[in-house]
Amino acid sequence: MIELVFVIVVIGILAMIAIPKFSATRDDALITKAKTTVASVRSAISSEVQRRILAGNYTPINDLGGVVNGHNQPIFDYFDSNNTGSRVLEYPPNSCKDTNAKACWMRSATTDYKYIFPNAIGGDATFRVQNNRFDCVSADKTKCRLLER
């Protein structure tokens, strides 16, 4: 009986150590997914700019698709919101499911896209499409660095 109690105590101690590690791993995965999205969008913009230049079209990219403040809608789907033009991402993610959602993207203005961080980190980072670039314009540069490195 004493051995059984000892085993249960050891399992309890291991569980107390492991559970916080699993939640931190989940947040790290969500941040990595957001970093990948930023890199993919930047790569797509670069490719689209080159495609336009080769076609003799020098129109700047000002829009990456998505509905302003729209929930559960595709975001980063088409350049210049032209559903017949080039796609930004082949499989675009959906925007946040609702106003309380975390670890998701929202289109917050005509040229602004906001990533809302998971609860463990909190806050958000705003990216702006300007001059054929997708740059972080948040005042809190530590949030920008989380998604750009």
N, C-alpha and C. Protein backbone atom coordinates (compact mmCIF):
# COMPACT_ATOMS: atom_id res chain seq x y z
N MET A 1 0.82 -1.18 0.00
CA MET A 1 0.00 0.00 0.00
C MET A 1 0.88 1.27 0.00
N ILE A 2 1.96 1.24 0.78
CA ILE A 2 2.86 2.39 0.83
C ILE A 2 3.51 2.62 -0.53
N GLU A 3 3.86 1.57 -1.22
CA GLU A 3 4.44 1.70 -2.57
C GLU A 3 3.46 2.35 -3.52
N LEU A 4 2.19 1.98 -3.43
CA LEU A 4 1.15 2.55 -4.29
C LEU A 4 1.00 4.05 -4.03
N VAL A 5 0.97 4.46 -2.79
CA VAL A 5 0.88 5.88 -2.44
C VAL A 5 2.11 6.62 -2.96
N PHE A 6 3.28 6.03 -2.81
CA PHE A 6 4.51 6.64 -3.29
C PHE A 6 4.46 6.84 -4.81
N VAL A 7 3.98 5.84 -5.55
CA VAL A 7 3.86 5.95 -7.01
C VAL A 7 2.89 7.05 -7.39
N ILE A 8 1.77 7.16 -6.68
CA ILE A 8 0.78 8.21 -6.98
C ILE A 8 1.37 9.59 -6.72
N VAL A 9 2.13 9.75 -5.67
CA VAL A 9 2.78 11.03 -5.36
C VAL A 9 3.79 11.39 -6.45
N VAL A 10 4.59 10.44 -6.88
CA VAL A 10 5.57 10.70 -7.95
C VAL A 10 4.86 11.09 -9.24
N ILE A 11 3.80 10.40 -9.59
CA ILE A 11 3.04 10.74 -10.81
C ILE A 11 2.45 12.15 -10.69
N GLY A 12 1.97 12.50 -9.50
CA GLY A 12 1.44 13.85 -9.28
C GLY A 12 2.49 14.92 -9.46
N ILE A 13 3.68 14.68 -8.95
CA ILE A 13 4.78 15.65 -9.09
C ILE A 13 5.16 15.80 -10.56
N LEU A 14 5.26 14.70 -11.26
CA LEU A 14 5.58 14.76 -12.69
C LEU A 14 4.51 15.52 -13.47
N ALA A 15 3.25 15.31 -13.11
CA ALA A 15 2.16 16.01 -13.80
C ALA A 15 2.24 17.52 -13.54
N MET A 16 2.58 17.93 -12.32
CA MET A 16 2.70 19.35 -12.01
C MET A 16 3.81 20.00 -12.83
N ILE A 17 4.83 19.26 -13.15
CA ILE A 17 5.93 19.79 -13.94
C ILE A 17 5.58 19.80 -15.43
N ALA A 18 4.91 18.76 -15.90
CA ALA A 18 4.67 18.59 -17.34
C ALA A 18 3.56 19.48 -17.88
N ILE A 19 2.48 19.70 -17.14
CA ILE A 19 1.33 20.43 -17.67
C ILE A 19 1.70 21.87 -18.08
N PRO A 20 2.42 22.65 -17.27
CA PRO A 20 2.81 24.00 -17.74
C PRO A 20 3.70 23.96 -18.98
N LYS A 21 4.52 22.93 -19.10
CA LYS A 21 5.38 22.82 -20.28
C LYS A 21 4.55 22.63 -21.54
N PHE A 22 3.47 21.85 -21.44
CA PHE A 22 2.62 21.61 -22.60
C PHE A 22 1.91 22.89 -23.04
N SER A 23 1.44 23.71 -22.09
CA SER A 23 0.75 24.94 -22.48
C SER A 23 1.74 25.94 -23.10
N ALA A 24 2.97 25.98 -22.59
CA ALA A 24 3.98 26.86 -23.19
C ALA A 24 4.32 26.39 -24.60
N THR A 25 4.35 25.10 -24.81
CA THR A 25 4.64 24.56 -26.13
C THR A 25 3.55 24.95 -27.12
N ARG A 26 2.30 24.96 -26.68
CA ARG A 26 1.18 25.35 -27.54
C ARG A 26 1.32 26.81 -27.96
N ASP A 27 1.63 27.69 -27.01
CA ASP A 27 1.80 29.11 -27.35
C ASP A 27 2.96 29.30 -28.32
N ASP A 28 4.05 28.56 -28.11
CA ASP A 28 5.19 28.64 -29.02
C ASP A 28 4.79 28.21 -30.44
N ALA A 29 3.97 27.19 -30.53
CA ALA A 29 3.51 26.72 -31.84
C ALA A 29 2.64 27.77 -32.51
N LEU A 30 1.79 28.44 -31.75
CA LEU A 30 0.92 29.48 -32.33
C LEU A 30 1.75 30.67 -32.82
N ILE A 31 2.78 31.04 -32.07
CA ILE A 31 3.66 32.14 -32.50
C ILE A 31 4.43 31.74 -33.75
N THR A 32 4.90 30.50 -33.80
CA THR A 32 5.61 30.02 -34.99
C THR A 32 4.71 30.03 -36.20
N LYS A 33 3.46 29.66 -36.03
CA LYS A 33 2.49 29.71 -37.13
C LYS A 33 2.31 31.15 -37.62
N ALA A 34 2.23 32.11 -36.70
CA ALA A 34 2.10 33.52 -37.09
C ALA A 34 3.35 34.01 -37.81
N LYS A 35 4.54 33.60 -37.33
CA LYS A 35 5.79 33.97 -38.00
C LYS A 35 5.80 33.45 -39.43
N THR A 36 5.35 32.23 -39.60
CA THR A 36 5.31 31.62 -40.93
C THR A 36 4.35 32.38 -41.83
N THR A 37 3.23 32.82 -41.28
CA THR A 37 2.27 33.60 -42.07
C THR A 37 2.89 34.91 -42.52
N VAL A 38 3.58 35.60 -41.61
CA VAL A 38 4.24 36.87 -41.97
C VAL A 38 5.26 36.63 -43.08
N ALA A 39 6.08 35.61 -42.94
CA ALA A 39 7.09 35.31 -43.96
C ALA A 39 6.44 34.95 -45.30
N SER A 40 5.36 34.19 -45.26
CA SER A 40 4.68 33.80 -46.50
C SER A 40 4.04 35.00 -47.19
N VAL A 41 3.44 35.88 -46.41
CA VAL A 41 2.83 37.08 -46.99
C VAL A 41 3.89 37.97 -47.62
N ARG A 42 5.00 38.14 -46.93
CA ARG A 42 6.09 38.96 -47.48
C ARG A 42 6.64 38.35 -48.77
N SER A 43 6.80 37.06 -48.80
CA SER A 43 7.27 36.39 -50.00
C SER A 43 6.27 36.54 -51.15
N ALA A 44 4.99 36.42 -50.84
CA ALA A 44 3.96 36.56 -51.86
C ALA A 44 3.93 37.98 -52.43
N ILE A 45 4.10 38.97 -51.56
CA ILE A 45 4.13 40.36 -52.03
C ILE A 45 5.32 40.56 -52.97
N SER A 46 6.47 40.06 -52.58
CA SER A 46 7.66 40.19 -53.42
C SER A 46 7.44 39.55 -54.79
N SER A 47 6.87 38.36 -54.80
CA SER A 47 6.60 37.67 -56.08
C SER A 47 5.59 38.43 -56.92
N GLU A 48 4.56 38.97 -56.29
CA GLU A 48 3.54 39.71 -57.03
C GLU A 48 4.11 41.00 -57.61
N VAL A 49 4.96 41.69 -56.85
CA VAL A 49 5.60 42.91 -57.36
C VAL A 49 6.43 42.57 -58.60
N GLN A 50 7.21 41.50 -58.53
CA GLN A 50 8.02 41.09 -59.69
C GLN A 50 7.14 40.71 -60.88
N ARG A 51 6.04 40.00 -60.61
CA ARG A 51 5.12 39.62 -61.69
C ARG A 51 4.53 40.86 -62.36
N ARG A 52 4.16 41.83 -61.54
CA ARG A 52 3.57 43.07 -62.09
C ARG A 52 4.60 43.85 -62.89
N ILE A 53 5.82 43.93 -62.40
CA ILE A 53 6.86 44.66 -63.12
C ILE A 53 7.11 44.02 -64.48
N LEU A 54 7.18 42.70 -64.52
CA LEU A 54 7.40 41.99 -65.79
C LEU A 54 6.25 42.21 -66.76
N ALA A 55 5.05 42.42 -66.22
CA ALA A 55 3.88 42.66 -67.08
C ALA A 55 3.74 44.14 -67.43
N GLY A 56 4.64 44.98 -66.91
CA GLY A 56 4.57 46.41 -67.20
C GLY A 56 3.56 47.15 -66.33
N ASN A 57 3.14 46.53 -65.27
CA ASN A 57 2.17 47.13 -64.35
C ASN A 57 2.91 47.55 -63.09
N TYR A 58 2.94 48.84 -62.80
CA TYR A 58 3.68 49.33 -61.65
C TYR A 58 2.75 49.78 -60.53
N THR A 59 1.52 49.27 -60.53
CA THR A 59 0.55 49.60 -59.51
C THR A 59 1.00 49.02 -58.17
N PRO A 60 1.10 49.85 -57.12
CA PRO A 60 1.55 49.33 -55.82
C PRO A 60 0.48 48.44 -55.18
N ILE A 61 0.93 47.55 -54.35
CA ILE A 61 0.03 46.67 -53.61
C ILE A 61 -0.40 47.38 -52.34
N ASN A 62 -1.70 47.55 -52.17
CA ASN A 62 -2.23 48.24 -51.00
C ASN A 62 -3.19 47.40 -50.19
N ASP A 63 -3.47 46.20 -50.65
CA ASP A 63 -4.53 45.41 -50.04
C ASP A 63 -4.20 43.93 -50.18
N LEU A 64 -4.37 43.19 -49.09
CA LEU A 64 -4.10 41.75 -49.11
C LEU A 64 -5.37 40.94 -48.87
N GLY A 65 -6.50 41.55 -49.05
CA GLY A 65 -7.76 40.84 -48.89
C GLY A 65 -8.22 40.76 -47.46
N GLY A 66 -9.41 40.23 -47.30
CA GLY A 66 -10.02 40.14 -45.98
C GLY A 66 -10.99 41.27 -45.76
N VAL A 67 -11.94 41.05 -44.88
CA VAL A 67 -12.97 42.03 -44.56
C VAL A 67 -12.54 42.80 -43.32
N VAL A 68 -12.62 44.15 -43.38
CA VAL A 68 -12.27 44.96 -42.22
C VAL A 68 -13.20 44.61 -41.07
N ASN A 69 -12.61 44.23 -39.94
CA ASN A 69 -13.34 43.81 -38.73
C ASN A 69 -14.29 42.65 -38.99
N GLY A 70 -14.04 41.88 -40.03
CA GLY A 70 -14.86 40.70 -40.31
C GLY A 70 -14.39 39.52 -39.51
N HIS A 71 -15.32 38.73 -39.04
CA HIS A 71 -14.97 37.57 -38.22
C HIS A 71 -15.18 36.29 -39.02
N ASN A 72 -14.23 35.36 -38.84
CA ASN A 72 -14.27 34.04 -39.47
C ASN A 72 -14.39 34.14 -41.00
N GLN A 73 -13.67 35.09 -41.57
CA GLN A 73 -13.63 35.32 -43.02
C GLN A 73 -12.20 35.07 -43.50
N PRO A 74 -12.03 34.64 -44.75
CA PRO A 74 -10.65 34.48 -45.26
C PRO A 74 -9.89 35.80 -45.20
N ILE A 75 -8.63 35.71 -44.82
CA ILE A 75 -7.77 36.89 -44.76
C ILE A 75 -6.49 36.54 -45.52
N PHE A 76 -5.85 37.50 -46.14
CA PHE A 76 -4.69 37.28 -47.01
C PHE A 76 -5.08 36.38 -48.18
N ASP A 77 -6.22 36.67 -48.80
CA ASP A 77 -6.68 35.79 -49.88
C ASP A 77 -6.32 36.31 -51.27
N TYR A 78 -6.69 37.55 -51.61
CA TYR A 78 -6.39 38.09 -52.94
C TYR A 78 -5.76 39.46 -52.83
N PHE A 79 -4.82 39.75 -53.74
CA PHE A 79 -4.24 41.09 -53.81
C PHE A 79 -5.31 42.07 -54.27
N ASP A 80 -5.32 43.24 -53.66
CA ASP A 80 -6.23 44.32 -54.01
C ASP A 80 -7.69 43.90 -53.93
N SER A 81 -8.01 42.92 -53.11
CA SER A 81 -9.38 42.40 -52.91
C SER A 81 -10.07 42.07 -54.22
N ASN A 82 -9.29 41.70 -55.21
CA ASN A 82 -9.82 41.35 -56.52
C ASN A 82 -9.88 39.83 -56.59
N ASN A 83 -11.06 39.27 -56.38
CA ASN A 83 -11.20 37.82 -56.29
C ASN A 83 -10.89 37.10 -57.59
N THR A 84 -10.59 37.84 -58.64
CA THR A 84 -10.22 37.19 -59.91
C THR A 84 -8.73 37.33 -60.17
N GLY A 85 -8.03 38.08 -59.31
CA GLY A 85 -6.60 38.31 -59.51
C GLY A 85 -5.75 37.25 -58.85
N SER A 86 -4.53 37.63 -58.56
CA SER A 86 -3.57 36.70 -57.93
C SER A 86 -3.90 36.50 -56.46
N ARG A 87 -3.64 35.29 -56.00
CA ARG A 87 -3.86 34.96 -54.59
C ARG A 87 -2.62 35.34 -53.79
N VAL A 88 -2.85 35.83 -52.58
CA VAL A 88 -1.74 36.12 -51.67
C VAL A 88 -1.21 34.79 -51.12
N LEU A 89 -2.08 34.05 -50.47
CA LEU A 89 -1.73 32.72 -49.95
C LEU A 89 -2.64 31.69 -50.59
N GLU A 90 -2.10 30.58 -50.98
CA GLU A 90 -2.89 29.54 -51.64
C GLU A 90 -4.01 29.04 -50.73
N TYR A 91 -3.70 28.88 -49.45
CA TYR A 91 -4.70 28.45 -48.47
C TYR A 91 -4.76 29.50 -47.37
N PRO A 92 -5.53 30.56 -47.58
CA PRO A 92 -5.54 31.66 -46.61
C PRO A 92 -6.20 31.25 -45.30
N PRO A 93 -5.67 31.75 -44.19
CA PRO A 93 -6.31 31.47 -42.89
C PRO A 93 -7.58 32.30 -42.76
N ASN A 94 -8.43 31.91 -41.84
CA ASN A 94 -9.60 32.73 -41.53
C ASN A 94 -9.23 33.73 -40.44
N SER A 95 -9.93 34.85 -40.44
CA SER A 95 -9.72 35.84 -39.40
C SER A 95 -10.29 35.31 -38.08
N CYS A 96 -10.12 36.06 -37.02
CA CYS A 96 -10.57 35.64 -35.69
C CYS A 96 -12.05 35.27 -35.72
N LYS A 97 -12.41 34.25 -34.97
CA LYS A 97 -13.79 33.77 -34.94
C LYS A 97 -14.74 34.78 -34.32
N ASP A 98 -14.28 35.53 -33.32
CA ASP A 98 -15.10 36.56 -32.67
C ASP A 98 -14.18 37.57 -32.00
N THR A 99 -14.77 38.53 -31.29
CA THR A 99 -13.97 39.59 -30.68
C THR A 99 -13.12 39.11 -29.52
N ASN A 100 -13.40 37.93 -28.97
CA ASN A 100 -12.63 37.41 -27.84
C ASN A 100 -11.56 36.41 -28.25
N ALA A 101 -11.46 36.11 -29.53
CA ALA A 101 -10.52 35.10 -30.01
C ALA A 101 -9.08 35.57 -29.84
N LYS A 102 -8.18 34.62 -29.63
CA LYS A 102 -6.75 34.91 -29.47
C LYS A 102 -5.97 34.07 -30.48
N ALA A 103 -4.72 34.46 -30.69
CA ALA A 103 -3.81 33.76 -31.60
C ALA A 103 -4.40 33.71 -33.01
N CYS A 104 -4.82 34.88 -33.51
CA CYS A 104 -5.43 34.94 -34.84
C CYS A 104 -5.20 36.32 -35.45
N TRP A 105 -5.50 36.41 -36.75
CA TRP A 105 -5.33 37.65 -37.51
C TRP A 105 -6.67 38.34 -37.71
N MET A 106 -6.65 39.67 -37.72
CA MET A 106 -7.82 40.49 -38.05
C MET A 106 -7.39 41.61 -38.98
N ARG A 107 -8.25 41.98 -39.88
CA ARG A 107 -8.00 43.17 -40.68
C ARG A 107 -8.63 44.32 -39.92
N SER A 108 -7.80 45.24 -39.44
CA SER A 108 -8.30 46.29 -38.56
C SER A 108 -8.56 47.61 -39.29
N ALA A 109 -8.05 47.78 -40.48
CA ALA A 109 -8.27 49.00 -41.27
C ALA A 109 -7.99 48.67 -42.73
N THR A 110 -8.11 49.66 -43.59
CA THR A 110 -7.94 49.43 -45.02
C THR A 110 -6.60 48.79 -45.34
N THR A 111 -5.53 49.25 -44.71
CA THR A 111 -4.21 48.69 -45.00
C THR A 111 -3.57 48.01 -43.80
N ASP A 112 -4.30 47.87 -42.69
CA ASP A 112 -3.73 47.33 -41.45
C ASP A 112 -4.27 45.94 -41.14
N TYR A 113 -3.36 45.08 -40.70
CA TYR A 113 -3.69 43.72 -40.29
C TYR A 113 -3.10 43.50 -38.90
N LYS A 114 -3.91 43.00 -37.99
CA LYS A 114 -3.49 42.86 -36.61
C LYS A 114 -3.44 41.39 -36.21
N TYR A 115 -2.34 41.01 -35.56
CA TYR A 115 -2.24 39.68 -34.97
C TYR A 115 -2.49 39.81 -33.49
N ILE A 116 -3.45 39.05 -32.98
CA ILE A 116 -3.77 39.07 -31.55
C ILE A 116 -3.06 37.88 -30.91
N PHE A 117 -2.17 38.16 -29.99
CA PHE A 117 -1.34 37.12 -29.37
C PHE A 117 -2.14 36.23 -28.42
N PRO A 118 -1.63 35.02 -28.15
CA PRO A 118 -2.27 34.14 -27.16
C PRO A 118 -2.28 34.81 -25.77
N ASN A 119 -3.13 34.30 -24.89
CA ASN A 119 -3.28 34.89 -23.55
C ASN A 119 -1.98 34.98 -22.78
N ALA A 120 -1.11 33.99 -22.91
CA ALA A 120 0.14 33.98 -22.15
C ALA A 120 1.03 35.18 -22.49
N ILE A 121 0.93 35.69 -23.71
CA ILE A 121 1.74 36.83 -24.13
C ILE A 121 0.92 38.11 -24.04
N GLY A 122 -0.30 38.06 -24.56
CA GLY A 122 -1.19 39.21 -24.50
C GLY A 122 -0.83 40.30 -25.49
N GLY A 123 -1.77 41.15 -25.78
CA GLY A 123 -1.56 42.27 -26.68
C GLY A 123 -1.69 41.88 -28.15
N ASP A 124 -1.22 42.77 -29.01
CA ASP A 124 -1.29 42.51 -30.44
C ASP A 124 -0.17 43.24 -31.16
N ALA A 125 -0.01 42.91 -32.42
CA ALA A 125 0.97 43.57 -33.29
C ALA A 125 0.26 43.93 -34.58
N THR A 126 0.42 45.16 -35.02
CA THR A 126 -0.23 45.64 -36.23
C THR A 126 0.77 45.72 -37.37
N PHE A 127 0.39 45.14 -38.51
CA PHE A 127 1.20 45.18 -39.72
C PHE A 127 0.46 46.02 -40.75
N ARG A 128 1.21 46.80 -41.51
CA ARG A 128 0.61 47.67 -42.52
C ARG A 128 1.19 47.34 -43.89
N VAL A 129 0.31 47.35 -44.89
CA VAL A 129 0.73 47.17 -46.28
C VAL A 129 0.98 48.56 -46.83
N GLN A 130 2.25 48.85 -47.13
CA GLN A 130 2.61 50.15 -47.70
C GLN A 130 3.90 50.02 -48.49
N ASN A 131 3.97 50.71 -49.59
CA ASN A 131 5.16 50.68 -50.44
C ASN A 131 5.57 49.26 -50.82
N ASN A 132 4.59 48.45 -51.14
CA ASN A 132 4.82 47.05 -51.53
C ASN A 132 5.54 46.26 -50.44
N ARG A 133 5.27 46.61 -49.20
CA ARG A 133 5.87 45.91 -48.06
C ARG A 133 4.80 45.58 -47.03
N PHE A 134 5.12 44.64 -46.17
CA PHE A 134 4.25 44.23 -45.06
C PHE A 134 5.05 44.43 -43.78
N ASP A 135 4.94 45.63 -43.20
CA ASP A 135 5.79 46.01 -42.07
C ASP A 135 5.00 46.14 -40.78
N CYS A 136 5.65 45.79 -39.69
CA CYS A 136 5.05 45.96 -38.37
C CYS A 136 5.14 47.43 -37.98
N VAL A 137 4.00 48.01 -37.60
CA VAL A 137 3.96 49.42 -37.25
C VAL A 137 3.52 49.63 -35.79
N SER A 138 3.53 48.57 -35.00
CA SER A 138 3.11 48.68 -33.60
C SER A 138 4.11 49.51 -32.81
N ALA A 139 3.60 50.22 -31.83
CA ALA A 139 4.48 51.00 -30.96
C ALA A 139 5.35 50.08 -30.10
N ASP A 140 4.81 48.92 -29.73
CA ASP A 140 5.55 47.95 -28.92
C ASP A 140 6.39 47.07 -29.85
N LYS A 141 7.63 47.43 -30.04
CA LYS A 141 8.50 46.72 -30.98
C LYS A 141 8.86 45.31 -30.51
N THR A 142 8.70 45.02 -29.21
CA THR A 142 8.98 43.66 -28.75
C THR A 142 7.96 42.69 -29.34
N LYS A 143 6.72 43.15 -29.53
CA LYS A 143 5.70 42.30 -30.16
C LYS A 143 6.05 42.07 -31.63
N CYS A 144 6.57 43.12 -32.28
CA CYS A 144 6.98 42.98 -33.69
C CYS A 144 8.10 41.95 -33.81
N ARG A 145 9.07 42.02 -32.90
CA ARG A 145 10.20 41.10 -32.96
C ARG A 145 9.78 39.65 -32.77
N LEU A 146 8.73 39.43 -32.01
CA LEU A 146 8.25 38.06 -31.81
C LEU A 146 7.79 37.42 -33.12
N LEU A 147 7.29 38.25 -34.04
CA LEU A 147 6.75 37.73 -35.29
C LEU A 147 7.70 37.89 -36.48
N GLU A 148 8.79 38.61 -36.29
CA GLU A 148 9.68 38.87 -37.41
C GLU A 148 11.01 38.13 -37.33
N ARG A 149 11.30 37.43 -36.28
CA ARG A 149 12.58 36.72 -36.15
C ARG A 149 12.38 35.26 -36.09
